[in-house]
Amino acid sequence: MPSKSEQRSSRPGSRSGFALALAGIVATLAGRALAEGPKITPSGLEVPRYVSLKYAEVNARNGPDEAHQLLWIYHAKGLPVQVVAETREWRRICDPEGGLAWVHKRTTDGRRSAMRVQPTNLPLLSAPKAGAKVSAYLKGHSIAGLDKCEKGWCRLRADGSSGWAKESDIWGADPAVQCHKD
């Protein structure tokens, strides 16, 4: 709800109040864009960015150090995760279930992957367009390699098959931050 001063400054006929309110909105949106936009990190890479887990077992910690509490262990080699922060040696990641944890950089791989988080199979199409021929299916809750995304479609590969899926049907392609820091 706007404050009394905001209500007063945005009355019809109050041009200067309207201009000030508009300038405030623009400044707020610009500030948010800067705050939420990609940031350069110690690795020289932007965050947020997607990587995958390199090993079948990866320790997830409460903070960026071996001394921090072990929260859980990931048991999914190739799992897509989004790096949302980093130190020189550690990456704060967001996983497909919304979990936030710190993992050592050596446990991540720059190769991209994606996951079908829904339980239903996902048709992979022969071309990046609705109505294209189905070339394969990605099982529900499965991980696939992600080759590229363009215009809302992503090319996936798994078990010797490949095809296109809508970006919105997989986890690991949306450039927006997927987990918000506490």
N, C-alpha and C. Protein backbone atom coordinates (compact mmCIF):
# COMPACT_ATOMS: atom_id res chain seq x y z
N MET A 1 0.85 -1.17 0.00
CA MET A 1 0.00 0.00 0.00
C MET A 1 0.89 1.23 0.00
N PRO A 2 0.62 2.20 -0.88
CA PRO A 2 1.47 3.39 -0.94
C PRO A 2 1.34 4.22 0.33
N SER A 3 2.42 4.89 0.70
CA SER A 3 2.38 5.78 1.85
C SER A 3 1.60 7.03 1.49
N LYS A 4 1.28 7.84 2.50
CA LYS A 4 0.51 9.06 2.25
C LYS A 4 1.29 9.99 1.32
N SER A 5 2.62 10.06 1.47
CA SER A 5 3.38 10.94 0.58
C SER A 5 3.37 10.41 -0.85
N GLU A 6 3.40 9.07 -1.01
CA GLU A 6 3.32 8.52 -2.36
C GLU A 6 1.94 8.76 -2.95
N GLN A 7 0.88 8.65 -2.12
CA GLN A 7 -0.47 8.92 -2.61
C GLN A 7 -0.59 10.36 -3.05
N ARG A 8 -0.03 11.27 -2.26
CA ARG A 8 -0.11 12.69 -2.61
C ARG A 8 0.65 12.98 -3.90
N SER A 9 1.86 12.41 -4.03
CA SER A 9 2.69 12.78 -5.18
C SER A 9 2.20 12.16 -6.47
N SER A 10 1.31 11.20 -6.40
CA SER A 10 0.86 10.59 -7.65
C SER A 10 -0.57 10.97 -8.01
N ARG A 11 -1.12 12.05 -7.42
CA ARG A 11 -2.46 12.52 -7.76
C ARG A 11 -2.49 13.01 -9.19
N PRO A 12 -3.62 12.79 -9.89
CA PRO A 12 -3.74 13.35 -11.23
C PRO A 12 -3.55 14.86 -11.19
N GLY A 13 -2.87 15.37 -12.18
CA GLY A 13 -2.64 16.81 -12.26
C GLY A 13 -1.36 17.24 -11.58
N SER A 14 -0.74 16.36 -10.84
CA SER A 14 0.51 16.70 -10.17
C SER A 14 1.66 16.15 -11.00
N ARG A 15 2.04 16.88 -12.03
CA ARG A 15 3.08 16.43 -12.97
C ARG A 15 4.41 16.17 -12.27
N SER A 16 4.83 17.08 -11.42
CA SER A 16 6.12 16.87 -10.76
C SER A 16 6.07 15.65 -9.85
N GLY A 17 4.95 15.44 -9.16
CA GLY A 17 4.79 14.26 -8.32
C GLY A 17 4.81 13.00 -9.16
N PHE A 18 4.14 13.03 -10.31
CA PHE A 18 4.13 11.88 -11.21
C PHE A 18 5.53 11.58 -11.71
N ALA A 19 6.25 12.62 -12.11
CA ALA A 19 7.62 12.43 -12.61
C ALA A 19 8.52 11.85 -11.53
N LEU A 20 8.36 12.35 -10.29
CA LEU A 20 9.17 11.81 -9.20
C LEU A 20 8.82 10.35 -8.92
N ALA A 21 7.53 10.03 -8.94
CA ALA A 21 7.11 8.65 -8.71
C ALA A 21 7.65 7.74 -9.81
N LEU A 22 7.56 8.20 -11.07
CA LEU A 22 8.08 7.42 -12.20
C LEU A 22 9.58 7.23 -12.08
N ALA A 23 10.30 8.29 -11.72
CA ALA A 23 11.75 8.18 -11.55
C ALA A 23 12.09 7.20 -10.44
N GLY A 24 11.31 7.21 -9.37
CA GLY A 24 11.53 6.27 -8.27
C GLY A 24 11.33 4.83 -8.70
N ILE A 25 10.29 4.59 -9.51
CA ILE A 25 10.03 3.23 -10.01
C ILE A 25 11.17 2.78 -10.90
N VAL A 26 11.61 3.65 -11.81
CA VAL A 26 12.72 3.31 -12.72
C VAL A 26 13.98 3.02 -11.92
N ALA A 27 14.28 3.86 -10.92
CA ALA A 27 15.48 3.64 -10.11
C ALA A 27 15.39 2.33 -9.35
N THR A 28 14.21 2.01 -8.82
CA THR A 28 14.03 0.75 -8.09
C THR A 28 14.23 -0.43 -9.01
N LEU A 29 13.63 -0.39 -10.21
CA LEU A 29 13.77 -1.49 -11.15
C LEU A 29 15.21 -1.64 -11.61
N ALA A 30 15.89 -0.52 -11.86
CA ALA A 30 17.29 -0.58 -12.28
C ALA A 30 18.15 -1.17 -11.17
N GLY A 31 17.87 -0.77 -9.94
CA GLY A 31 18.62 -1.32 -8.81
C GLY A 31 18.41 -2.81 -8.66
N ARG A 32 17.16 -3.27 -8.84
CA ARG A 32 16.88 -4.70 -8.78
C ARG A 32 17.60 -5.45 -9.88
N ALA A 33 17.59 -4.90 -11.09
CA ALA A 33 18.25 -5.55 -12.23
C ALA A 33 19.74 -5.70 -11.95
N LEU A 34 20.35 -4.65 -11.38
CA LEU A 34 21.76 -4.74 -11.05
C LEU A 34 21.99 -5.76 -9.94
N ALA A 35 21.12 -5.77 -8.95
CA ALA A 35 21.28 -6.69 -7.83
C ALA A 35 21.02 -8.13 -8.25
N GLU A 36 20.09 -8.38 -9.17
CA GLU A 36 19.72 -9.73 -9.55
C GLU A 36 20.42 -10.20 -10.82
N GLY A 37 21.10 -9.31 -11.50
CA GLY A 37 21.75 -9.67 -12.76
C GLY A 37 22.99 -10.51 -12.52
N PRO A 38 23.61 -10.98 -13.61
CA PRO A 38 24.82 -11.79 -13.48
C PRO A 38 25.93 -11.02 -12.76
N LYS A 39 26.67 -11.72 -11.96
CA LYS A 39 27.78 -11.13 -11.22
C LYS A 39 29.04 -11.90 -11.55
N ILE A 40 30.15 -11.19 -11.63
CA ILE A 40 31.44 -11.84 -11.86
C ILE A 40 31.97 -12.30 -10.50
N THR A 41 32.55 -13.49 -10.47
CA THR A 41 32.95 -14.13 -9.22
C THR A 41 34.45 -14.43 -9.21
N PRO A 42 34.96 -15.01 -8.13
CA PRO A 42 36.39 -15.35 -8.08
C PRO A 42 36.87 -16.24 -9.23
N SER A 43 36.01 -17.08 -9.78
CA SER A 43 36.41 -17.94 -10.89
C SER A 43 36.46 -17.16 -12.21
N GLY A 44 35.90 -15.96 -12.21
CA GLY A 44 35.82 -15.18 -13.44
C GLY A 44 34.57 -15.50 -14.24
N LEU A 45 33.73 -16.38 -13.73
CA LEU A 45 32.50 -16.77 -14.42
C LEU A 45 31.32 -16.08 -13.75
N GLU A 46 30.24 -15.92 -14.51
CA GLU A 46 29.05 -15.25 -13.98
C GLU A 46 28.24 -16.20 -13.09
N VAL A 47 27.52 -15.61 -12.15
CA VAL A 47 26.49 -16.32 -11.41
C VAL A 47 25.21 -15.52 -11.59
N PRO A 48 24.08 -16.15 -11.73
CA PRO A 48 23.92 -17.60 -11.70
C PRO A 48 24.39 -18.25 -12.99
N ARG A 49 24.78 -19.52 -12.88
CA ARG A 49 25.14 -20.34 -14.04
C ARG A 49 24.88 -21.80 -13.67
N TYR A 50 24.71 -22.62 -14.68
CA TYR A 50 24.46 -24.04 -14.44
C TYR A 50 25.73 -24.85 -14.64
N VAL A 51 25.89 -25.86 -13.80
CA VAL A 51 26.93 -26.87 -13.91
C VAL A 51 26.27 -28.19 -13.55
N SER A 52 27.03 -29.25 -13.55
CA SER A 52 26.49 -30.54 -13.12
C SER A 52 27.42 -31.12 -12.06
N LEU A 53 26.91 -32.07 -11.31
CA LEU A 53 27.73 -32.73 -10.30
C LEU A 53 28.61 -33.78 -10.99
N LYS A 54 29.87 -33.78 -10.64
CA LYS A 54 30.87 -34.62 -11.31
C LYS A 54 30.89 -36.05 -10.79
N TYR A 55 30.48 -36.28 -9.56
CA TYR A 55 30.62 -37.59 -8.94
C TYR A 55 29.28 -38.16 -8.48
N ALA A 56 29.26 -39.45 -8.23
CA ALA A 56 28.05 -40.13 -7.76
C ALA A 56 27.73 -39.78 -6.31
N GLU A 57 28.72 -39.30 -5.56
CA GLU A 57 28.50 -38.84 -4.19
C GLU A 57 29.17 -37.48 -4.02
N VAL A 58 28.38 -36.49 -3.62
CA VAL A 58 28.89 -35.14 -3.40
C VAL A 58 28.33 -34.63 -2.07
N ASN A 59 29.24 -34.21 -1.19
CA ASN A 59 28.83 -33.68 0.11
C ASN A 59 28.29 -32.26 -0.04
N ALA A 60 27.14 -32.01 0.57
CA ALA A 60 26.52 -30.68 0.59
C ALA A 60 26.66 -30.12 2.00
N ARG A 61 27.27 -28.95 2.10
CA ARG A 61 27.57 -28.38 3.42
C ARG A 61 26.80 -27.09 3.66
N ASN A 62 26.75 -26.71 4.92
CA ASN A 62 26.06 -25.51 5.36
C ASN A 62 26.84 -24.24 5.05
N GLY A 63 28.13 -24.36 4.79
CA GLY A 63 28.97 -23.21 4.51
C GLY A 63 30.16 -23.63 3.66
N PRO A 64 30.95 -22.64 3.21
CA PRO A 64 32.05 -22.91 2.28
C PRO A 64 33.35 -23.37 2.94
N ASP A 65 33.30 -24.54 3.60
CA ASP A 65 34.49 -25.06 4.25
C ASP A 65 34.18 -26.47 4.74
N GLU A 66 35.19 -27.32 4.80
CA GLU A 66 35.01 -28.69 5.29
C GLU A 66 34.53 -28.72 6.74
N ALA A 67 34.82 -27.66 7.49
CA ALA A 67 34.43 -27.61 8.90
C ALA A 67 32.93 -27.34 9.07
N HIS A 68 32.27 -26.86 8.03
CA HIS A 68 30.83 -26.60 8.14
C HIS A 68 30.04 -27.91 8.15
N GLN A 69 28.87 -27.83 8.77
CA GLN A 69 28.00 -28.99 8.93
C GLN A 69 27.65 -29.63 7.59
N LEU A 70 27.72 -30.97 7.56
CA LEU A 70 27.27 -31.73 6.40
C LEU A 70 25.74 -31.76 6.43
N LEU A 71 25.11 -31.24 5.40
CA LEU A 71 23.65 -31.19 5.34
C LEU A 71 23.07 -32.47 4.75
N TRP A 72 23.64 -32.91 3.63
CA TRP A 72 23.21 -34.13 2.97
C TRP A 72 24.27 -34.53 1.96
N ILE A 73 24.08 -35.68 1.35
CA ILE A 73 24.99 -36.16 0.30
C ILE A 73 24.16 -36.36 -0.96
N TYR A 74 24.58 -35.73 -2.04
CA TYR A 74 23.93 -35.95 -3.33
C TYR A 74 24.39 -37.31 -3.85
N HIS A 75 23.47 -38.09 -4.39
CA HIS A 75 23.78 -39.39 -4.98
C HIS A 75 23.29 -39.39 -6.42
N ALA A 76 23.78 -38.45 -7.23
CA ALA A 76 23.29 -38.33 -8.60
C ALA A 76 24.35 -37.67 -9.49
N LYS A 77 25.24 -38.48 -10.02
CA LYS A 77 26.25 -37.97 -10.94
C LYS A 77 25.52 -37.34 -12.14
N GLY A 78 25.97 -36.14 -12.53
CA GLY A 78 25.37 -35.45 -13.67
C GLY A 78 24.19 -34.56 -13.29
N LEU A 79 23.80 -34.54 -12.01
CA LEU A 79 22.66 -33.72 -11.59
C LEU A 79 22.90 -32.27 -11.95
N PRO A 80 21.94 -31.62 -12.64
CA PRO A 80 22.11 -30.20 -12.92
C PRO A 80 21.92 -29.39 -11.65
N VAL A 81 22.79 -28.44 -11.42
CA VAL A 81 22.69 -27.53 -10.29
C VAL A 81 23.02 -26.12 -10.79
N GLN A 82 22.49 -25.14 -10.09
CA GLN A 82 22.75 -23.76 -10.47
C GLN A 82 23.66 -23.13 -9.42
N VAL A 83 24.80 -22.61 -9.86
CA VAL A 83 25.71 -21.90 -8.96
C VAL A 83 25.13 -20.51 -8.74
N VAL A 84 24.87 -20.18 -7.47
CA VAL A 84 24.29 -18.87 -7.15
C VAL A 84 25.26 -17.97 -6.40
N ALA A 85 26.36 -18.53 -5.91
CA ALA A 85 27.42 -17.76 -5.24
C ALA A 85 28.66 -18.63 -5.23
N GLU A 86 29.81 -18.00 -4.99
CA GLU A 86 31.04 -18.80 -4.91
C GLU A 86 32.13 -18.08 -4.16
N THR A 87 33.06 -18.88 -3.67
CA THR A 87 34.32 -18.39 -3.14
C THR A 87 35.38 -18.97 -4.07
N ARG A 88 36.64 -18.79 -3.73
CA ARG A 88 37.69 -19.35 -4.58
C ARG A 88 37.58 -20.86 -4.72
N GLU A 89 37.23 -21.55 -3.65
CA GLU A 89 37.22 -23.02 -3.64
C GLU A 89 35.83 -23.65 -3.57
N TRP A 90 34.81 -22.88 -3.23
CA TRP A 90 33.49 -23.45 -2.97
C TRP A 90 32.42 -22.81 -3.84
N ARG A 91 31.36 -23.59 -4.11
CA ARG A 91 30.23 -23.11 -4.91
C ARG A 91 28.95 -23.30 -4.10
N ARG A 92 28.16 -22.24 -4.02
CA ARG A 92 26.83 -22.38 -3.40
C ARG A 92 25.88 -22.73 -4.53
N ILE A 93 25.23 -23.87 -4.38
CA ILE A 93 24.39 -24.37 -5.48
C ILE A 93 22.93 -24.49 -5.06
N CYS A 94 22.10 -24.43 -6.06
CA CYS A 94 20.67 -24.67 -5.93
C CYS A 94 20.39 -25.94 -6.72
N ASP A 95 19.65 -26.88 -6.12
CA ASP A 95 19.37 -28.13 -6.82
C ASP A 95 17.92 -28.15 -7.33
N PRO A 96 17.54 -29.13 -8.13
CA PRO A 96 16.19 -29.18 -8.69
C PRO A 96 15.06 -29.25 -7.67
N GLU A 97 15.36 -29.62 -6.43
CA GLU A 97 14.32 -29.66 -5.39
C GLU A 97 14.28 -28.37 -4.58
N GLY A 98 15.13 -27.40 -4.94
CA GLY A 98 15.13 -26.12 -4.23
C GLY A 98 16.09 -26.05 -3.06
N GLY A 99 16.91 -27.08 -2.89
CA GLY A 99 17.89 -27.08 -1.81
C GLY A 99 19.08 -26.19 -2.12
N LEU A 100 19.54 -25.47 -1.11
CA LEU A 100 20.74 -24.62 -1.23
C LEU A 100 21.83 -25.21 -0.34
N ALA A 101 23.01 -25.37 -0.89
CA ALA A 101 24.13 -25.92 -0.12
C ALA A 101 25.44 -25.50 -0.77
N TRP A 102 26.51 -25.69 -0.04
CA TRP A 102 27.85 -25.42 -0.55
C TRP A 102 28.53 -26.75 -0.91
N VAL A 103 29.17 -26.80 -2.06
CA VAL A 103 29.95 -27.96 -2.48
C VAL A 103 31.33 -27.47 -2.94
N HIS A 104 32.33 -28.33 -2.84
CA HIS A 104 33.67 -27.95 -3.29
C HIS A 104 33.68 -27.86 -4.81
N LYS A 105 34.44 -26.93 -5.35
CA LYS A 105 34.47 -26.72 -6.80
C LYS A 105 34.92 -27.96 -7.56
N ARG A 106 35.76 -28.80 -6.96
CA ARG A 106 36.25 -30.00 -7.65
C ARG A 106 35.13 -31.02 -7.90
N THR A 107 33.98 -30.86 -7.21
CA THR A 107 32.87 -31.81 -7.37
C THR A 107 31.88 -31.39 -8.45
N THR A 108 32.17 -30.27 -9.11
CA THR A 108 31.27 -29.80 -10.17
C THR A 108 31.96 -29.89 -11.53
N ASP A 109 31.15 -29.98 -12.54
CA ASP A 109 31.61 -30.12 -13.92
C ASP A 109 30.92 -29.05 -14.75
N GLY A 110 31.67 -28.39 -15.62
CA GLY A 110 31.10 -27.34 -16.46
C GLY A 110 30.15 -27.84 -17.53
N ARG A 111 30.14 -29.15 -17.76
CA ARG A 111 29.20 -29.70 -18.75
C ARG A 111 27.77 -29.53 -18.24
N ARG A 112 26.92 -29.09 -19.14
CA ARG A 112 25.53 -28.82 -18.77
C ARG A 112 24.69 -30.09 -18.85
N SER A 113 23.72 -30.15 -17.97
CA SER A 113 22.72 -31.21 -18.00
C SER A 113 21.38 -30.59 -17.64
N ALA A 114 20.33 -31.34 -17.81
CA ALA A 114 18.99 -30.89 -17.47
C ALA A 114 18.24 -32.07 -16.87
N MET A 115 17.16 -31.77 -16.17
CA MET A 115 16.40 -32.83 -15.53
C MET A 115 14.91 -32.65 -15.80
N ARG A 116 14.26 -33.74 -16.06
CA ARG A 116 12.80 -33.77 -16.14
C ARG A 116 12.34 -34.01 -14.71
N VAL A 117 11.88 -32.98 -14.02
CA VAL A 117 11.52 -33.13 -12.61
C VAL A 117 10.12 -33.73 -12.43
N GLN A 118 9.27 -33.64 -13.43
CA GLN A 118 7.95 -34.25 -13.35
C GLN A 118 8.06 -35.76 -13.51
N PRO A 119 7.08 -36.51 -12.99
CA PRO A 119 7.14 -37.97 -13.08
C PRO A 119 6.78 -38.52 -14.47
N THR A 120 6.23 -37.71 -15.32
CA THR A 120 5.80 -38.17 -16.65
C THR A 120 6.94 -38.10 -17.66
N ASN A 121 6.87 -38.97 -18.67
CA ASN A 121 7.87 -38.96 -19.73
C ASN A 121 7.73 -37.70 -20.57
N LEU A 122 8.86 -37.22 -21.08
CA LEU A 122 8.89 -36.02 -21.90
C LEU A 122 9.25 -36.40 -23.34
N PRO A 123 8.38 -36.11 -24.31
CA PRO A 123 8.73 -36.39 -25.70
C PRO A 123 9.87 -35.46 -26.15
N LEU A 124 10.89 -36.03 -26.77
CA LEU A 124 11.96 -35.25 -27.38
C LEU A 124 11.67 -35.20 -28.87
N LEU A 125 11.62 -33.99 -29.41
CA LEU A 125 11.21 -33.79 -30.79
C LEU A 125 12.39 -33.69 -31.73
N SER A 126 12.15 -34.00 -33.00
CA SER A 126 13.21 -33.98 -34.01
C SER A 126 13.61 -32.56 -34.41
N ALA A 127 12.78 -31.59 -34.11
CA ALA A 127 13.06 -30.19 -34.43
C ALA A 127 12.51 -29.31 -33.31
N PRO A 128 13.07 -28.11 -33.15
CA PRO A 128 12.60 -27.23 -32.08
C PRO A 128 11.32 -26.48 -32.43
N LYS A 129 10.24 -27.25 -32.59
CA LYS A 129 8.95 -26.62 -32.90
C LYS A 129 7.83 -27.58 -32.51
N ALA A 130 6.73 -27.00 -32.07
CA ALA A 130 5.56 -27.80 -31.70
C ALA A 130 5.10 -28.58 -32.93
N GLY A 131 4.69 -29.81 -32.72
CA GLY A 131 4.20 -30.64 -33.81
C GLY A 131 5.27 -31.43 -34.55
N ALA A 132 6.55 -31.22 -34.21
CA ALA A 132 7.62 -31.98 -34.86
C ALA A 132 7.51 -33.45 -34.42
N LYS A 133 8.10 -34.31 -35.21
CA LYS A 133 8.07 -35.75 -34.95
C LYS A 133 8.80 -36.07 -33.64
N VAL A 134 8.25 -36.98 -32.86
CA VAL A 134 8.88 -37.43 -31.62
C VAL A 134 10.02 -38.38 -31.98
N SER A 135 11.22 -38.06 -31.50
CA SER A 135 12.37 -38.91 -31.81
C SER A 135 12.76 -39.83 -30.64
N ALA A 136 12.35 -39.47 -29.42
CA ALA A 136 12.66 -40.28 -28.24
C ALA A 136 11.84 -39.72 -27.07
N TYR A 137 11.95 -40.40 -25.93
CA TYR A 137 11.30 -39.92 -24.71
C TYR A 137 12.33 -39.86 -23.60
N LEU A 138 12.25 -38.82 -22.80
CA LEU A 138 13.07 -38.72 -21.59
C LEU A 138 12.16 -39.12 -20.44
N LYS A 139 12.56 -40.14 -19.70
CA LYS A 139 11.74 -40.63 -18.58
C LYS A 139 11.59 -39.54 -17.52
N GLY A 140 10.48 -39.60 -16.80
CA GLY A 140 10.26 -38.69 -15.69
C GLY A 140 11.36 -38.85 -14.65
N HIS A 141 11.74 -37.77 -14.02
CA HIS A 141 12.80 -37.72 -13.00
C HIS A 141 14.16 -38.15 -13.55
N SER A 142 14.38 -37.99 -14.86
CA SER A 142 15.65 -38.39 -15.47
C SER A 142 16.52 -37.19 -15.80
N ILE A 143 17.80 -37.47 -15.93
CA ILE A 143 18.80 -36.46 -16.27
C ILE A 143 19.26 -36.70 -17.70
N ALA A 144 19.46 -35.61 -18.43
CA ALA A 144 19.96 -35.70 -19.81
C ALA A 144 21.04 -34.64 -20.00
N GLY A 145 21.94 -34.89 -20.93
CA GLY A 145 22.91 -33.88 -21.30
C GLY A 145 22.20 -32.76 -22.03
N LEU A 146 22.62 -31.53 -21.81
CA LEU A 146 22.02 -30.38 -22.47
C LEU A 146 23.05 -29.81 -23.44
N ASP A 147 22.75 -29.88 -24.74
CA ASP A 147 23.68 -29.37 -25.75
C ASP A 147 23.58 -27.87 -25.93
N LYS A 148 22.34 -27.36 -26.09
CA LYS A 148 22.14 -25.93 -26.29
C LYS A 148 20.67 -25.59 -26.14
N CYS A 149 20.40 -24.32 -25.92
CA CYS A 149 19.03 -23.81 -25.87
C CYS A 149 18.93 -22.61 -26.80
N GLU A 150 17.81 -22.52 -27.48
CA GLU A 150 17.57 -21.37 -28.35
C GLU A 150 16.06 -21.16 -28.50
N LYS A 151 15.66 -19.93 -28.37
CA LYS A 151 14.27 -19.52 -28.56
C LYS A 151 13.28 -20.38 -27.79
N GLY A 152 13.61 -20.70 -26.53
CA GLY A 152 12.69 -21.44 -25.68
C GLY A 152 12.73 -22.95 -25.82
N TRP A 153 13.64 -23.47 -26.65
CA TRP A 153 13.79 -24.92 -26.86
C TRP A 153 15.20 -25.34 -26.50
N CYS A 154 15.36 -26.55 -25.97
CA CYS A 154 16.68 -27.07 -25.61
C CYS A 154 16.89 -28.43 -26.26
N ARG A 155 18.11 -28.62 -26.77
CA ARG A 155 18.48 -29.92 -27.35
C ARG A 155 19.10 -30.78 -26.26
N LEU A 156 18.48 -31.94 -26.02
CA LEU A 156 18.90 -32.86 -24.98
C LEU A 156 19.41 -34.16 -25.57
N ARG A 157 20.28 -34.86 -24.83
CA ARG A 157 20.74 -36.18 -25.25
C ARG A 157 20.83 -37.10 -24.04
N ALA A 158 20.37 -38.33 -24.26
CA ALA A 158 20.42 -39.33 -23.20
C ALA A 158 20.34 -40.71 -23.81
N ASP A 159 21.14 -41.63 -23.32
CA ASP A 159 21.13 -43.03 -23.75
C ASP A 159 21.20 -43.18 -25.27
N GLY A 160 22.04 -42.41 -25.93
CA GLY A 160 22.23 -42.53 -27.38
C GLY A 160 21.18 -41.85 -28.21
N SER A 161 20.19 -41.23 -27.60
CA SER A 161 19.14 -40.53 -28.33
C SER A 161 19.24 -39.04 -28.04
N SER A 162 18.67 -38.25 -28.95
CA SER A 162 18.64 -36.81 -28.72
C SER A 162 17.37 -36.23 -29.31
N GLY A 163 17.06 -35.04 -28.88
CA GLY A 163 15.89 -34.35 -29.40
C GLY A 163 15.68 -33.04 -28.66
N TRP A 164 14.65 -32.33 -29.07
CA TRP A 164 14.35 -31.00 -28.54
C TRP A 164 13.17 -31.06 -27.58
N ALA A 165 13.26 -30.25 -26.52
CA ALA A 165 12.18 -30.12 -25.55
C ALA A 165 12.02 -28.64 -25.22
N LYS A 166 10.82 -28.27 -24.83
CA LYS A 166 10.61 -26.89 -24.39
C LYS A 166 11.43 -26.64 -23.14
N GLU A 167 12.05 -25.47 -23.08
CA GLU A 167 12.85 -25.08 -21.92
C GLU A 167 12.03 -25.17 -20.63
N SER A 168 10.76 -24.85 -20.70
CA SER A 168 9.88 -24.86 -19.52
C SER A 168 9.56 -26.27 -19.03
N ASP A 169 9.87 -27.30 -19.81
CA ASP A 169 9.58 -28.68 -19.42
C ASP A 169 10.74 -29.37 -18.72
N ILE A 170 11.86 -28.65 -18.54
CA ILE A 170 13.04 -29.23 -17.90
C ILE A 170 13.56 -28.28 -16.83
N TRP A 171 14.39 -28.80 -15.95
CA TRP A 171 15.07 -27.98 -14.95
C TRP A 171 16.55 -27.95 -15.33
N GLY A 172 17.10 -26.74 -15.40
CA GLY A 172 18.52 -26.60 -15.72
C GLY A 172 18.77 -25.68 -16.90
N ALA A 173 17.75 -24.96 -17.33
CA ALA A 173 17.92 -24.08 -18.48
C ALA A 173 17.48 -22.64 -18.20
N ASP A 174 16.54 -22.43 -17.31
CA ASP A 174 16.03 -21.09 -17.02
C ASP A 174 17.15 -20.23 -16.44
N PRO A 175 17.47 -19.10 -17.06
CA PRO A 175 18.57 -18.28 -16.58
C PRO A 175 18.31 -17.55 -15.27
N ALA A 176 17.06 -17.49 -14.84
CA ALA A 176 16.74 -16.81 -13.57
C ALA A 176 17.24 -17.63 -12.39
N VAL A 177 17.50 -16.96 -11.29
CA VAL A 177 17.91 -17.64 -10.06
C VAL A 177 16.78 -18.56 -9.64
N GLN A 178 17.09 -19.84 -9.41
CA GLN A 178 16.08 -20.83 -9.09
C GLN A 178 15.82 -20.99 -7.60
N CYS A 179 16.80 -20.67 -6.77
CA CYS A 179 16.64 -20.72 -5.31
C CYS A 179 17.04 -19.36 -4.78
N HIS A 180 16.29 -18.87 -3.86
CA HIS A 180 16.64 -17.57 -3.29
C HIS A 180 17.29 -17.76 -1.95
N LYS A 181 18.38 -17.03 -1.77
CA LYS A 181 19.17 -17.14 -0.54
C LYS A 181 18.33 -16.77 0.67
N ASP A 182 18.63 -17.42 1.79
CA ASP A 182 17.90 -17.13 3.03
C ASP A 182 18.19 -15.74 3.50
